[in-house]
């Protein structure tokens, strides 16, 4: 089950997923496996601090890379209501 912050992010993503900024970021992520917190926030139309809180709460999956947390692009596309592209589909 998603936490409150992730639910709010997903609601915002669903209602604004066609916003130009989100589309631009998703286009830049094509072929990449992970997104940074700022990229994730742009796609979800949320504040990076909210994304970090959702990651800390376990509501958004992430992988630690040094001091940074990276979000799987496949999860991000799904959360934004878009199909994942790539092999196996």
N, C-alpha and C. Protein backbone atom coordinates (compact mmCIF):
# COMPACT_ATOMS: atom_id res chain seq x y z
N UNK A 1 0.84 -1.18 0.00
CA UNK A 1 0.00 0.00 0.00
C UNK A 1 0.89 1.24 0.00
N UNK A 2 0.47 2.24 -0.72
CA UNK A 2 1.24 3.47 -0.82
C UNK A 2 0.95 4.38 0.36
N UNK A 3 1.97 5.09 0.78
CA UNK A 3 1.78 6.08 1.83
C UNK A 3 1.11 7.32 1.29
N UNK A 4 0.78 8.22 2.19
CA UNK A 4 0.06 9.44 1.82
C UNK A 4 0.83 10.28 0.80
N UNK A 5 2.14 10.47 1.04
CA UNK A 5 2.93 11.31 0.14
C UNK A 5 3.02 10.70 -1.25
N UNK A 6 3.25 9.40 -1.32
CA UNK A 6 3.33 8.76 -2.63
C UNK A 6 1.97 8.81 -3.33
N UNK A 7 0.89 8.64 -2.57
CA UNK A 7 -0.44 8.72 -3.16
C UNK A 7 -0.69 10.10 -3.75
N UNK A 8 -0.28 11.14 -3.03
CA UNK A 8 -0.44 12.50 -3.53
C UNK A 8 0.39 12.71 -4.79
N UNK A 9 1.61 12.17 -4.80
CA UNK A 9 2.46 12.28 -5.99
C UNK A 9 1.83 11.58 -7.17
N UNK A 10 1.28 10.39 -6.93
CA UNK A 10 0.66 9.64 -8.01
C UNK A 10 -0.58 10.34 -8.53
N UNK A 11 -1.38 10.91 -7.63
CA UNK A 11 -2.56 11.66 -8.06
C UNK A 11 -2.15 12.83 -8.94
N UNK A 12 -1.11 13.53 -8.53
CA UNK A 12 -0.62 14.66 -9.32
C UNK A 12 -0.11 14.17 -10.67
N UNK A 13 0.57 13.03 -10.68
CA UNK A 13 1.10 12.49 -11.93
C UNK A 13 -0.03 12.11 -12.87
N UNK A 14 -1.07 11.52 -12.35
CA UNK A 14 -2.18 11.10 -13.19
C UNK A 14 -2.90 12.30 -13.78
N UNK A 15 -3.09 13.35 -12.98
CA UNK A 15 -3.84 14.50 -13.46
C UNK A 15 -3.00 15.42 -14.36
N UNK A 16 -1.67 15.35 -14.24
CA UNK A 16 -0.83 16.25 -15.04
C UNK A 16 0.23 15.51 -15.83
N UNK A 17 0.01 14.24 -16.11
CA UNK A 17 1.06 13.45 -16.76
C UNK A 17 1.39 13.94 -18.16
N UNK A 18 0.51 14.72 -18.75
CA UNK A 18 0.78 15.21 -20.09
C UNK A 18 1.43 16.59 -20.09
N UNK A 19 1.81 17.08 -18.92
CA UNK A 19 2.47 18.38 -18.84
C UNK A 19 3.79 18.32 -19.61
N UNK A 20 4.11 19.38 -20.35
CA UNK A 20 5.33 19.37 -21.16
C UNK A 20 6.59 19.05 -20.38
N UNK A 21 6.75 19.59 -19.19
CA UNK A 21 7.97 19.35 -18.43
C UNK A 21 8.13 17.87 -18.11
N UNK A 22 7.05 17.22 -17.71
CA UNK A 22 7.11 15.79 -17.38
C UNK A 22 7.45 14.99 -18.63
N UNK A 23 6.85 15.32 -19.76
CA UNK A 23 7.15 14.61 -21.01
C UNK A 23 8.61 14.79 -21.39
N UNK A 24 9.14 16.00 -21.21
CA UNK A 24 10.53 16.27 -21.56
C UNK A 24 11.48 15.43 -20.70
N UNK A 25 11.19 15.38 -19.42
CA UNK A 25 12.04 14.60 -18.51
C UNK A 25 11.96 13.12 -18.86
N UNK A 26 10.75 12.62 -19.11
CA UNK A 26 10.60 11.21 -19.48
C UNK A 26 11.34 10.91 -20.79
N UNK A 27 11.33 11.84 -21.72
CA UNK A 27 12.06 11.64 -22.99
C UNK A 27 13.56 11.56 -22.72
N UNK A 28 14.05 12.39 -21.81
CA UNK A 28 15.48 12.37 -21.46
C UNK A 28 15.86 11.07 -20.76
N UNK A 29 14.90 10.44 -20.09
CA UNK A 29 15.16 9.20 -19.36
C UNK A 29 15.08 7.96 -20.24
N UNK A 30 14.68 8.12 -21.49
CA UNK A 30 14.57 6.99 -22.41
C UNK A 30 15.90 6.25 -22.49
N UNK A 31 15.86 4.96 -22.27
CA UNK A 31 17.06 4.14 -22.33
C UNK A 31 17.84 4.08 -21.03
N UNK A 32 17.43 4.84 -20.04
CA UNK A 32 18.11 4.83 -18.74
C UNK A 32 17.35 3.92 -17.78
N UNK A 33 18.06 3.37 -16.82
CA UNK A 33 17.43 2.49 -15.83
C UNK A 33 16.95 3.23 -14.60
N UNK A 34 17.63 4.34 -14.26
CA UNK A 34 17.30 5.05 -13.03
C UNK A 34 17.16 6.55 -13.27
N UNK A 35 16.36 7.16 -12.40
CA UNK A 35 16.15 8.61 -12.42
C UNK A 35 16.61 9.19 -11.10
N UNK A 36 17.08 10.43 -11.13
CA UNK A 36 17.46 11.12 -9.90
C UNK A 36 16.20 11.61 -9.18
N UNK A 37 16.38 12.04 -7.95
CA UNK A 37 15.24 12.58 -7.20
C UNK A 37 14.64 13.80 -7.91
N UNK A 38 15.45 14.77 -8.38
CA UNK A 38 14.85 15.91 -9.09
C UNK A 38 14.08 15.49 -10.36
N UNK A 39 14.60 14.52 -11.10
CA UNK A 39 13.89 14.04 -12.28
C UNK A 39 12.57 13.38 -11.88
N UNK A 40 12.62 12.58 -10.83
CA UNK A 40 11.41 11.93 -10.33
C UNK A 40 10.38 12.96 -9.91
N UNK A 41 10.83 13.98 -9.21
CA UNK A 41 9.93 15.04 -8.76
C UNK A 41 9.30 15.76 -9.96
N UNK A 42 10.06 16.00 -11.00
CA UNK A 42 9.52 16.68 -12.18
C UNK A 42 8.44 15.84 -12.85
N UNK A 43 8.68 14.54 -12.98
CA UNK A 43 7.69 13.67 -13.61
C UNK A 43 6.43 13.56 -12.77
N UNK A 44 6.61 13.46 -11.45
CA UNK A 44 5.46 13.33 -10.56
C UNK A 44 4.84 14.67 -10.20
N UNK A 45 5.42 15.75 -10.72
CA UNK A 45 4.93 17.11 -10.44
C UNK A 45 4.85 17.34 -8.93
N UNK A 46 5.96 17.06 -8.28
CA UNK A 46 6.04 17.15 -6.83
C UNK A 46 7.34 17.85 -6.46
N UNK A 47 7.47 18.16 -5.19
CA UNK A 47 8.69 18.78 -4.68
C UNK A 47 9.72 17.68 -4.40
N UNK A 48 10.99 17.91 -4.70
CA UNK A 48 12.01 16.89 -4.42
C UNK A 48 12.03 16.46 -2.94
N UNK A 49 11.71 17.37 -2.04
CA UNK A 49 11.68 17.00 -0.62
C UNK A 49 10.58 15.98 -0.34
N UNK A 50 9.44 16.13 -1.01
CA UNK A 50 8.35 15.16 -0.85
C UNK A 50 8.76 13.80 -1.40
N UNK A 51 9.47 13.81 -2.52
CA UNK A 51 9.96 12.56 -3.10
C UNK A 51 10.93 11.89 -2.14
N UNK A 52 11.85 12.67 -1.57
CA UNK A 52 12.81 12.09 -0.61
C UNK A 52 12.10 11.51 0.61
N UNK A 53 11.07 12.20 1.09
CA UNK A 53 10.31 11.67 2.24
C UNK A 53 9.61 10.37 1.87
N UNK A 54 9.05 10.30 0.67
CA UNK A 54 8.38 9.09 0.23
C UNK A 54 9.38 7.94 0.05
N UNK A 55 10.57 8.26 -0.41
CA UNK A 55 11.62 7.24 -0.52
C UNK A 55 12.00 6.74 0.87
N UNK A 56 12.19 7.67 1.80
CA UNK A 56 12.56 7.29 3.17
C UNK A 56 11.48 6.45 3.83
N UNK A 57 10.22 6.73 3.50
CA UNK A 57 9.11 5.97 4.08
C UNK A 57 8.92 4.62 3.38
N UNK A 58 9.63 4.42 2.26
CA UNK A 58 9.50 3.17 1.52
C UNK A 58 8.36 3.15 0.52
N UNK A 59 7.77 4.31 0.27
CA UNK A 59 6.64 4.39 -0.66
C UNK A 59 7.09 4.48 -2.11
N UNK A 60 8.28 4.98 -2.34
CA UNK A 60 8.86 5.04 -3.68
C UNK A 60 10.12 4.18 -3.64
N UNK A 61 10.22 3.19 -4.54
CA UNK A 61 11.41 2.34 -4.53
C UNK A 61 12.64 3.12 -4.99
N UNK A 62 13.77 2.78 -4.42
CA UNK A 62 15.00 3.45 -4.82
C UNK A 62 16.20 2.56 -4.55
N UNK A 63 17.31 2.92 -5.18
CA UNK A 63 18.57 2.22 -5.01
C UNK A 63 19.60 3.24 -4.53
N UNK A 64 20.31 2.90 -3.45
CA UNK A 64 21.34 3.82 -2.99
C UNK A 64 22.58 3.77 -3.88
N UNK A 65 23.09 4.95 -4.23
CA UNK A 65 24.34 5.07 -4.97
C UNK A 65 25.12 6.17 -4.27
N UNK A 66 26.02 5.77 -3.41
CA UNK A 66 26.72 6.74 -2.57
C UNK A 66 25.69 7.46 -1.71
N UNK A 67 25.75 8.78 -1.64
CA UNK A 67 24.78 9.51 -0.82
C UNK A 67 23.44 9.74 -1.53
N UNK A 68 23.38 9.38 -2.82
CA UNK A 68 22.17 9.63 -3.61
C UNK A 68 21.24 8.43 -3.60
N UNK A 69 19.98 8.68 -3.91
CA UNK A 69 18.99 7.62 -4.11
C UNK A 69 18.49 7.75 -5.54
N UNK A 70 18.45 6.65 -6.25
CA UNK A 70 17.97 6.65 -7.63
C UNK A 70 16.71 5.81 -7.73
N UNK A 71 15.74 6.30 -8.49
CA UNK A 71 14.43 5.66 -8.63
C UNK A 71 14.40 4.93 -9.97
N UNK A 72 13.93 3.67 -9.97
CA UNK A 72 13.83 2.93 -11.24
C UNK A 72 12.90 3.64 -12.23
N UNK A 73 13.38 3.83 -13.45
CA UNK A 73 12.59 4.50 -14.48
C UNK A 73 11.32 3.70 -14.77
N UNK A 74 11.41 2.36 -14.73
CA UNK A 74 10.22 1.53 -14.99
C UNK A 74 9.13 1.86 -13.98
N UNK A 75 9.49 2.00 -12.70
CA UNK A 75 8.49 2.35 -11.68
C UNK A 75 7.95 3.75 -11.95
N UNK A 76 8.82 4.67 -12.32
CA UNK A 76 8.42 6.05 -12.56
C UNK A 76 7.43 6.13 -13.72
N UNK A 77 7.69 5.42 -14.79
CA UNK A 77 6.76 5.41 -15.93
C UNK A 77 5.41 4.82 -15.52
N UNK A 78 5.45 3.76 -14.74
CA UNK A 78 4.21 3.15 -14.28
C UNK A 78 3.44 4.12 -13.37
N UNK A 79 4.16 4.78 -12.48
CA UNK A 79 3.51 5.73 -11.57
C UNK A 79 2.92 6.92 -12.33
N UNK A 80 3.55 7.27 -13.44
CA UNK A 80 3.05 8.38 -14.26
C UNK A 80 1.94 7.92 -15.20
N UNK A 81 1.62 6.64 -15.17
CA UNK A 81 0.56 6.12 -16.01
C UNK A 81 0.98 5.81 -17.42
N UNK A 82 2.28 5.60 -17.62
CA UNK A 82 2.81 5.29 -18.94
C UNK A 82 3.35 3.87 -18.96
N UNK A 83 3.29 3.25 -20.10
CA UNK A 83 3.87 1.93 -20.26
C UNK A 83 5.38 2.05 -20.27
N UNK A 84 6.04 1.01 -19.74
CA UNK A 84 7.50 0.99 -19.83
C UNK A 84 7.87 0.55 -21.22
N UNK A 85 8.97 1.08 -21.70
CA UNK A 85 9.48 0.66 -23.00
C UNK A 85 10.73 -0.16 -22.75
N UNK A 86 11.06 -0.95 -23.72
CA UNK A 86 12.29 -1.72 -23.59
C UNK A 86 12.05 -3.18 -23.87
N UNK A 87 13.10 -3.97 -23.67
CA UNK A 87 13.04 -5.40 -23.97
C UNK A 87 12.07 -6.11 -23.06
N UNK A 88 11.51 -7.17 -23.59
CA UNK A 88 10.60 -7.98 -22.80
C UNK A 88 9.16 -7.53 -22.85
N UNK A 89 8.85 -6.50 -23.66
CA UNK A 89 7.47 -6.02 -23.76
C UNK A 89 6.98 -6.15 -25.16
